[in-house]
Amino acid sequence: MNFDSIPVALLAGGLATRLRPLTEKVPKVLLPVAGRPFLAHQLELLRERGLRRAVLCLGYLGGMVVQEFGDGRDHGVQLDYSFDGPVLLGTGGALKQALPKLGEQFFVLYGDSYLTCAFRPIAEFFERSGKLGLMTVFRNEGLYDTSNIVFRDGEIAVYDKKVQRPDMRHIDYGLSLFRAEAFAEYAEGQKFDLADLLGRLVARKQLAGYEVPERFYEIGSPAGLQELEALLRARA
């Protein structure tokens, strides 16, 4: 495994309805945070973590992102783009479509996540696991969002975003790693959610779990946007 060559798939094609009216004419990744488009902060973070290439999976208003960021040269990260087309494919379908640009192994990061963890140890853990996928988890205890994972003895025993259990202490942190073959059973152009694939991998014991101690930040909600704005302004 050559860490420097692992690309990051950024899932940035959703409608961002929770942030309306802010996102009626601007895609979520272009929303200003601390005076700059959110994507600029995200790419800067990736570069600091040693990652050099990203593929943006775009849908809604995606052309605006291409126009603003181009090949990524100004941000030190090589950018490529993959578009859903006329029909939104869901997070899983968007990744399946982007596979020719992603290669055999890649990170997946949500387009509204700001994650301060180190990426290299996660990639090394994934390589040792030999599994088809890896999900990072955070011991959330219902604090930042609804906990949806039973993480026991270093393994993801249960992952369910719909059915709550009292022993769910952890949450999907927002960063994953996959081998391309994990998507083999899905057809080209098929609409499906990434959560569906993750659930299937858990059932087959093909999803490694990596616990991250740092909390996550996000701009998927007005409260999250405000919190990250305060954090980045304080750092600046």
C-alpha atoms as a PDB file:
ATOM      1  CA  MET A   1       0.000   0.000   0.000  1.00  0.00           C
ATOM      2  CA  ASN A   2       1.311   3.415  -1.019  1.00  0.00           C
ATOM      3  CA  PHE A   3      -0.504   5.873   1.239  1.00  0.00           C
ATOM      4  CA  ASP A   4       0.370   8.902  -0.904  1.00  0.00           C
ATOM      5  CA  SER A   5      -1.466   7.442  -3.898  1.00  0.00           C
ATOM      6  CA  ILE A   6      -4.757   6.607  -2.138  1.00  0.00           C
ATOM      7  CA  PRO A   7      -7.491   8.923  -3.455  1.00  0.00           C
ATOM      8  CA  VAL A   8     -10.394  10.319  -1.453  1.00  0.00           C
ATOM      9  CA  ALA A   9     -13.947  10.155  -2.769  1.00  0.00           C
ATOM     10  CA  LEU A  10     -15.862  13.203  -1.539  1.00  0.00           C
ATOM     11  CA  LEU A  11     -19.620  12.630  -1.507  1.00  0.00           C
ATOM     12  CA  ALA A  12     -21.006  16.044  -2.413  1.00  0.00           C
ATOM     13  CA  GLY A  13     -24.019  15.412  -4.623  1.00  0.00           C
ATOM     14  CA  GLY A  14     -26.950  15.661  -2.207  1.00  0.00           C
ATOM     15  CA  LEU A  15     -29.700  18.279  -2.125  1.00  0.00           C
ATOM     16  CA  ALA A  16     -28.793  19.554   1.381  1.00  0.00           C
ATOM     17  CA  THR A  17     -32.435  20.157   2.276  1.00  0.00           C
ATOM     18  CA  ARG A  18     -31.662  20.688   5.972  1.00  0.00           C
ATOM     19  CA  LEU A  19     -29.767  23.838   5.078  1.00  0.00           C
ATOM     20  CA  ARG A  20     -32.442  25.455   2.906  1.00  0.00           C
ATOM     21  CA  PRO A  21     -32.725  28.293   1.959  1.00  0.00           C
ATOM     22  CA  LEU A  22     -28.900  28.572   2.068  1.00  0.00           C
ATOM     23  CA  THR A  23     -28.519  25.737  -0.446  1.00  0.00           C
ATOM     24  CA  GLU A  24     -31.270  26.637  -2.894  1.00  0.00           C
ATOM     25  CA  LYS A  25     -28.780  28.253  -5.289  1.00  0.00           C
ATOM     26  CA  VAL A  26     -25.421  27.140  -3.862  1.00  0.00           C
ATOM     27  CA  PRO A  27     -24.221  23.531  -3.304  1.00  0.00           C
ATOM     28  CA  LYS A  28     -23.369  22.709   0.292  1.00  0.00           C
ATOM     29  CA  VAL A  29     -19.608  22.408  -0.271  1.00  0.00           C
ATOM     30  CA  LEU A  30     -19.501  26.006  -1.525  1.00  0.00           C
ATOM     31  CA  LEU A  31     -21.211  27.495   1.523  1.00  0.00           C
ATOM     32  CA  PRO A  32     -18.954  30.106   3.124  1.00  0.00           C
ATOM     33  CA  VAL A  33     -17.389  29.056   6.431  1.00  0.00           C
ATOM     34  CA  ALA A  34     -14.998  31.467   8.143  1.00  0.00           C
ATOM     35  CA  GLY A  35     -14.794  33.523   4.967  1.00  0.00           C
ATOM     36  CA  ARG A  36     -14.025  30.693   2.500  1.00  0.00           C
ATOM     37  CA  PRO A  37     -15.992  27.948   0.723  1.00  0.00           C
ATOM     38  CA  PHE A  38     -16.238  24.905   2.975  1.00  0.00           C
ATOM     39  CA  LEU A  39     -14.531  22.732   0.346  1.00  0.00           C
ATOM     40  CA  ALA A  40     -11.403  24.904   0.595  1.00  0.00           C
ATOM     41  CA  HIS A  41     -11.116  24.053   4.296  1.00  0.00           C
ATOM     42  CA  GLN A  42     -11.741  20.377   3.569  1.00  0.00           C
ATOM     43  CA  LEU A  43      -9.073  20.173   0.844  1.00  0.00           C
ATOM     44  CA  GLU A  44      -6.589  21.998   3.056  1.00  0.00           C
ATOM     45  CA  LEU A  45      -7.208  19.437   5.779  1.00  0.00           C
ATOM     46  CA  LEU A  46      -6.656  16.539   3.342  1.00  0.00           C
ATOM     47  CA  ARG A  47      -3.404  18.060   2.109  1.00  0.00           C
ATOM     48  CA  GLU A  48      -2.174  18.495   5.692  1.00  0.00           C
ATOM     49  CA  ARG A  49      -2.931  14.807   6.302  1.00  0.00           C
ATOM     50  CA  GLY A  50      -0.761  13.778   3.343  1.00  0.00           C
ATOM     51  CA  LEU A  51      -3.482  13.108   0.769  1.00  0.00           C
ATOM     52  CA  ARG A  52      -2.956  14.475  -2.712  1.00  0.00           C
ATOM     53  CA  ARG A  53      -5.889  13.372  -4.865  1.00  0.00           C
ATOM     54  CA  ALA A  54      -9.659  13.638  -4.524  1.00  0.00           C
ATOM     55  CA  VAL A  55     -12.621  12.682  -6.701  1.00  0.00           C
ATOM     56  CA  LEU A  56     -15.718  14.768  -6.050  1.00  0.00           C
ATOM     57  CA  CYS A  57     -18.968  12.846  -6.550  1.00  0.00           C
ATOM     58  CA  LEU A  58     -21.347  15.581  -7.630  1.00  0.00           C
ATOM     59  CA  GLY A  59     -24.999  15.959  -8.485  1.00  0.00           C
ATOM     60  CA  TYR A  60     -27.048  18.983  -7.458  1.00  0.00           C
ATOM     61  CA  LEU A  61     -25.449  22.219  -8.763  1.00  0.00           C
ATOM     62  CA  GLY A  62     -22.201  20.311  -9.317  1.00  0.00           C
ATOM     63  CA  GLY A  63     -21.102  22.513 -12.207  1.00  0.00           C
ATOM     64  CA  MET A  64     -20.608  25.393  -9.784  1.00  0.00           C
ATOM     65  CA  VAL A  65     -18.038  23.330  -7.868  1.00  0.00           C
ATOM     66  CA  VAL A  66     -16.044  22.545 -11.010  1.00  0.00           C
ATOM     67  CA  GLN A  67     -16.080  26.206 -11.999  1.00  0.00           C
ATOM     68  CA  GLU A  68     -14.860  27.305  -8.554  1.00  0.00           C
ATOM     69  CA  PHE A  69     -12.168  24.664  -7.895  1.00  0.00           C
ATOM     70  CA  GLY A  70     -11.087  23.376 -11.312  1.00  0.00           C
ATOM     71  CA  ASP A  71      -8.212  20.898 -11.141  1.00  0.00           C
ATOM     72  CA  GLY A  72      -7.496  21.750  -7.491  1.00  0.00           C
ATOM     73  CA  ARG A  73      -4.053  23.156  -8.234  1.00  0.00           C
ATOM     74  CA  ASP A  74      -4.651  26.259  -6.124  1.00  0.00           C
ATOM     75  CA  HIS A  75      -5.383  24.054  -3.106  1.00  0.00           C
ATOM     76  CA  GLY A  76      -2.569  21.536  -3.480  1.00  0.00           C
ATOM     77  CA  VAL A  77      -4.896  18.602  -4.164  1.00  0.00           C
ATOM     78  CA  GLN A  78      -5.449  17.069  -7.607  1.00  0.00           C
ATOM     79  CA  LEU A  79      -9.181  17.098  -8.276  1.00  0.00           C
ATOM     80  CA  ASP A  80     -11.288  14.957 -10.561  1.00  0.00           C
ATOM     81  CA  TYR A  81     -15.079  14.841 -10.839  1.00  0.00           C
ATOM     82  CA  SER A  82     -17.781  12.217 -11.215  1.00  0.00           C
ATOM     83  CA  PHE A  83     -21.393  13.222 -11.912  1.00  0.00           C
ATOM     84  CA  ASP A  84     -24.580  11.338 -11.063  1.00  0.00           C
ATOM     85  CA  GLY A  85     -26.265  12.380 -14.292  1.00  0.00           C
ATOM     86  CA  PRO A  86     -29.989  13.195 -14.657  1.00  0.00           C
ATOM     87  CA  VAL A  87     -31.000  10.922 -11.743  1.00  0.00           C
ATOM     88  CA  LEU A  88     -29.394  11.090  -8.287  1.00  0.00           C
ATOM     89  CA  LEU A  89     -27.782   7.710  -7.562  1.00  0.00           C
ATOM     90  CA  GLY A  90     -27.518   7.907  -3.783  1.00  0.00           C
ATOM     91  CA  THR A  91     -24.223   7.793  -1.912  1.00  0.00           C
ATOM     92  CA  GLY A  92     -23.493   4.191  -2.857  1.00  0.00           C
ATOM     93  CA  GLY A  93     -24.487   4.552  -6.504  1.00  0.00           C
ATOM     94  CA  ALA A  94     -22.351   7.673  -6.822  1.00  0.00           C
ATOM     95  CA  LEU A  95     -19.300   5.757  -5.574  1.00  0.00           C
ATOM     96  CA  LYS A  96     -19.986   2.846  -7.928  1.00  0.00           C
ATOM     97  CA  GLN A  97     -20.090   5.317 -10.819  1.00  0.00           C
ATOM     98  CA  ALA A  98     -16.799   6.899  -9.722  1.00  0.00           C
ATOM     99  CA  LEU A  99     -14.865   3.598  -9.422  1.00  0.00           C
ATOM    100  CA  PRO A 100     -12.976   4.015 -12.735  1.00  0.00           C
ATOM    101  CA  LYS A 101     -11.481   7.232 -11.331  1.00  0.00           C
ATOM    102  CA  LEU A 102     -10.893   5.856  -7.838  1.00  0.00           C
ATOM    103  CA  GLY A 103      -9.024   2.642  -8.543  1.00  0.00           C
ATOM    104  CA  GLU A 104      -8.663  -0.401  -6.322  1.00  0.00           C
ATOM    105  CA  GLN A 105      -8.567   1.268  -2.889  1.00  0.00           C
ATOM    106  CA  PHE A 106      -9.876   4.613  -1.680  1.00  0.00           C
ATOM    107  CA  PHE A 107     -11.083   6.692   1.249  1.00  0.00           C
ATOM    108  CA  VAL A 108     -14.671   7.943   1.352  1.00  0.00           C
ATOM    109  CA  LEU A 109     -15.474  11.220   3.084  1.00  0.00           C
ATOM    110  CA  TYR A 110     -18.824  12.980   3.273  1.00  0.00           C
ATOM    111  CA  GLY A 111     -18.869  16.382   1.622  1.00  0.00           C
ATOM    112  CA  ASP A 112     -20.112  18.067   4.790  1.00  0.00           C
ATOM    113  CA  SER A 113     -17.626  16.478   7.234  1.00  0.00           C
ATOM    114  CA  TYR A 114     -14.625  18.188   8.805  1.00  0.00           C
ATOM    115  CA  LEU A 115     -12.510  15.464  10.411  1.00  0.00           C
ATOM    116  CA  THR A 116      -9.277  16.256  12.215  1.00  0.00           C
ATOM    117  CA  CYS A 117      -8.056  12.659  12.670  1.00  0.00           C
ATOM    118  CA  ALA A 118      -4.836  11.278  11.161  1.00  0.00           C
ATOM    119  CA  PHE A 119      -5.560   9.291   7.988  1.00  0.00           C
ATOM    120  CA  ARG A 120      -2.356   7.277   7.610  1.00  0.00           C
ATOM    121  CA  PRO A 121      -2.837   4.994  10.685  1.00  0.00           C
ATOM    122  CA  ILE A 122      -6.376   4.233   9.460  1.00  0.00           C
ATOM    123  CA  ALA A 123      -5.081   3.185   6.036  1.00  0.00           C
ATOM    124  CA  GLU A 124      -2.402   0.998   7.654  1.00  0.00           C
ATOM    125  CA  PHE A 125      -5.005  -0.650   9.908  1.00  0.00           C
ATOM    126  CA  PHE A 126      -7.227  -1.313   6.907  1.00  0.00           C
ATOM    127  CA  GLU A 127      -4.358  -2.914   5.005  1.00  0.00           C
ATOM    128  CA  ARG A 128      -3.634  -5.259   7.922  1.00  0.00           C
ATOM    129  CA  SER A 129      -7.313  -6.188   8.288  1.00  0.00           C
ATOM    130  CA  GLY A 130      -7.542  -7.709   4.811  1.00  0.00           C
ATOM    131  CA  LYS A 131     -11.246  -6.811   4.710  1.00  0.00           C
ATOM    132  CA  LEU A 132     -13.294  -5.191   1.952  1.00  0.00           C
ATOM    133  CA  GLY A 133     -14.190  -2.083   3.925  1.00  0.00           C
ATOM    134  CA  LEU A 134     -13.428  -0.065   7.028  1.00  0.00           C
ATOM    135  CA  MET A 135     -15.601   2.317   9.005  1.00  0.00           C
ATOM    136  CA  THR A 136     -14.236   4.772  11.536  1.00  0.00           C
ATOM    137  CA  VAL A 137     -16.331   5.018  14.706  1.00  0.00           C
ATOM    138  CA  PHE A 138     -16.539   7.495  17.574  1.00  0.00           C
ATOM    139  CA  ARG A 139     -17.822   6.823  21.099  1.00  0.00           C
ATOM    140  CA  ASN A 140     -20.682   9.264  20.868  1.00  0.00           C
ATOM    141  CA  GLU A 141     -23.043   8.208  23.684  1.00  0.00           C
ATOM    142  CA  GLY A 142     -25.840  10.077  21.869  1.00  0.00           C
ATOM    143  CA  LEU A 143     -23.997  13.380  22.245  1.00  0.00           C
ATOM    144  CA  TYR A 144     -23.550  14.843  18.748  1.00  0.00           C
ATOM    145  CA  ASP A 145     -26.154  12.770  16.894  1.00  0.00           C
ATOM    146  CA  THR A 146     -28.012   9.500  17.334  1.00  0.00           C
ATOM    147  CA  SER A 147     -25.605   6.643  18.072  1.00  0.00           C
ATOM    148  CA  ASN A 148     -26.049   3.851  15.515  1.00  0.00           C
ATOM    149  CA  ILE A 149     -23.272   1.303  16.148  1.00  0.00           C
ATOM    150  CA  VAL A 150     -22.533  -1.491  18.597  1.00  0.00           C
ATOM    151  CA  PHE A 151     -18.716  -1.589  18.696  1.00  0.00           C
ATOM    152  CA  ARG A 152     -17.573  -4.556  20.771  1.00  0.00           C
ATOM    153  CA  ASP A 153     -14.115  -6.075  21.267  1.00  0.00           C
ATOM    154  CA  GLY A 154     -12.711  -3.919  18.465  1.00  0.00           C
ATOM    155  CA  GLU A 155     -15.349  -4.997  15.957  1.00  0.00           C
ATOM    156  CA  ILE A 156     -18.551  -3.509  14.531  1.00  0.00           C
ATOM    157  CA  ALA A 157     -21.184  -5.938  15.761  1.00  0.00           C
ATOM    158  CA  VAL A 158     -24.240  -3.904  14.696  1.00  0.00           C
ATOM    159  CA  TYR A 159     -24.714  -0.928  12.379  1.00  0.00           C
ATOM    160  CA  ASP A 160     -28.262   0.348  11.926  1.00  0.00           C
ATOM    161  CA  LYS A 161     -29.404   3.908  11.225  1.00  0.00           C
ATOM    162  CA  LYS A 162     -33.097   3.046  11.576  1.00  0.00           C
ATOM    163  CA  VAL A 163     -33.470   0.738  14.580  1.00  0.00           C
ATOM    164  CA  GLN A 164     -32.100   2.052  17.882  1.00  0.00           C
ATOM    165  CA  ARG A 165     -30.667  -0.220  20.573  1.00  0.00           C
ATOM    166  CA  PRO A 166     -29.675   0.716  24.136  1.00  0.00           C
ATOM    167  CA  ASP A 167     -26.197  -0.800  23.650  1.00  0.00           C
ATOM    168  CA  MET A 168     -25.409   1.541  20.751  1.00  0.00           C
ATOM    169  CA  ARG A 169     -22.668   3.776  22.148  1.00  0.00           C
ATOM    170  CA  HIS A 170     -20.783   4.619  18.957  1.00  0.00           C
ATOM    171  CA  ILE A 171     -21.557   6.486  15.751  1.00  0.00           C
ATOM    172  CA  ASP A 172     -20.281   6.399  12.177  1.00  0.00           C
ATOM    173  CA  TYR A 173     -17.484   8.995  12.306  1.00  0.00           C
ATOM    174  CA  GLY A 174     -17.795   9.855   8.618  1.00  0.00           C
ATOM    175  CA  LEU A 175     -14.619   8.388   7.110  1.00  0.00           C
ATOM    176  CA  SER A 176     -14.469   4.998   5.389  1.00  0.00           C
ATOM    177  CA  LEU A 177     -12.051   2.960   3.295  1.00  0.00           C
ATOM    178  CA  PHE A 178     -12.994   0.460   0.603  1.00  0.00           C
ATOM    179  CA  ARG A 179     -11.597  -1.928  -1.910  1.00  0.00           C
ATOM    180  CA  ALA A 180     -13.355  -1.571  -5.260  1.00  0.00           C
ATOM    181  CA  GLU A 181     -14.526  -5.205  -5.147  1.00  0.00           C
ATOM    182  CA  ALA A 182     -16.851  -4.314  -2.244  1.00  0.00           C
ATOM    183  CA  PHE A 183     -19.150  -2.748  -4.875  1.00  0.00           C
ATOM    184  CA  ALA A 184     -19.093  -5.702  -7.275  1.00  0.00           C
ATOM    185  CA  GLU A 185     -22.652  -6.918  -6.626  1.00  0.00           C
ATOM    186  CA  TYR A 186     -24.224  -3.561  -7.506  1.00  0.00           C
ATOM    187  CA  ALA A 187     -25.076  -2.726 -11.123  1.00  0.00           C
ATOM    188  CA  GLU A 188     -23.863   0.339 -13.006  1.00  0.00           C
ATOM    189  CA  GLY A 189     -26.380   3.151 -12.611  1.00  0.00           C
ATOM    190  CA  GLN A 190     -28.122   1.415  -9.685  1.00  0.00           C
ATOM    191  CA  LYS A 191     -29.364   3.760  -6.982  1.00  0.00           C
ATOM    192  CA  PHE A 192     -28.374   2.695  -3.464  1.00  0.00           C
ATOM    193  CA  ASP A 193     -27.185   4.177  -0.214  1.00  0.00           C
ATOM    194  CA  LEU A 194     -23.720   3.615   1.211  1.00  0.00           C
ATOM    195  CA  ALA A 195     -25.378   2.503   4.459  1.00  0.00           C
ATOM    196  CA  ASP A 196     -26.808  -0.488   2.557  1.00  0.00           C
ATOM    197  CA  LEU A 197     -23.334  -1.636   1.527  1.00  0.00           C
ATOM    198  CA  LEU A 198     -21.934  -1.065   5.015  1.00  0.00           C
ATOM    199  CA  GLY A 199     -24.725  -3.153   6.527  1.00  0.00           C
ATOM    200  CA  ARG A 200     -24.014  -6.009   4.133  1.00  0.00           C
ATOM    201  CA  LEU A 201     -20.304  -5.909   4.937  1.00  0.00           C
ATOM    202  CA  VAL A 202     -21.059  -6.027   8.682  1.00  0.00           C
ATOM    203  CA  ALA A 203     -23.233  -9.121   8.150  1.00  0.00           C
ATOM    204  CA  ARG A 204     -20.374 -10.817   6.281  1.00  0.00           C
ATOM    205  CA  LYS A 205     -17.734  -9.723   8.812  1.00  0.00           C
ATOM    206  CA  GLN A 206     -16.000  -7.827   6.014  1.00  0.00           C
ATOM    207  CA  LEU A 207     -16.119  -4.378   7.649  1.00  0.00           C
ATOM    208  CA  ALA A 208     -13.204  -3.417   9.873  1.00  0.00           C
ATOM    209  CA  GLY A 209     -13.843  -0.938  12.681  1.00  0.00           C
ATOM    210  CA  TYR A 210     -11.376   1.774  13.728  1.00  0.00           C
ATOM    211  CA  GLU A 211     -12.164   3.894  16.789  1.00  0.00           C
ATOM    212  CA  VAL A 212     -11.222   7.566  16.517  1.00  0.00           C
ATOM    213  CA  PRO A 213     -10.813   9.582  19.746  1.00  0.00           C
ATOM    214  CA  GLU A 214     -11.393  13.056  18.245  1.00  0.00           C
ATOM    215  CA  ARG A 215     -14.933  14.320  17.784  1.00  0.00           C
ATOM    216  CA  PHE A 216     -16.241  15.143  14.316  1.00  0.00           C
ATOM    217  CA  TYR A 217     -17.487  18.444  12.924  1.00  0.00           C
ATOM    218  CA  GLU A 218     -20.013  18.880  10.123  1.00  0.00           C
ATOM    219  CA  ILE A 219     -21.961  21.481   8.166  1.00  0.00           C
ATOM    220  CA  GLY A 220     -24.973  19.270   7.445  1.00  0.00           C
ATOM    221  CA  SER A 221     -27.172  21.223   9.857  1.00  0.00           C
ATOM    222  CA  PRO A 222     -27.460  24.916  10.787  1.00  0.00           C
ATOM    223  CA  ALA A 223     -26.120  24.148  14.288  1.00  0.00           C
ATOM    224  CA  GLY A 224     -23.144  22.229  12.875  1.00  0.00           C
ATOM    225  CA  LEU A 225     -22.394  25.019  10.413  1.00  0.00           C
ATOM    226  CA  GLN A 226     -22.397  27.581  13.208  1.00  0.00           C
ATOM    227  CA  GLU A 227     -20.168  25.434  15.423  1.00  0.00           C
ATOM    228  CA  LEU A 228     -17.568  24.865  12.713  1.00  0.00           C
ATOM    229  CA  GLU A 229     -17.611  28.548  11.828  1.00  0.00           C
ATOM    230  CA  ALA A 230     -16.696  29.371  15.442  1.00  0.00           C
ATOM    231  CA  LEU A 231     -13.955  26.700  15.524  1.00  0.00           C
ATOM    232  CA  LEU A 232     -12.255  27.830  12.324  1.00  0.00           C
ATOM    233  CA  ARG A 233     -12.461  31.508  13.196  1.00  0.00           C
ATOM    234  CA  ALA A 234     -10.899  30.784  16.585  1.00  0.00           C
ATOM    235  CA  ARG A 235      -8.041  28.888  14.921  1.00  0.00           C
ATOM    236  CA  ALA A 236      -7.479  31.666  12.415  1.00  0.00           C
END
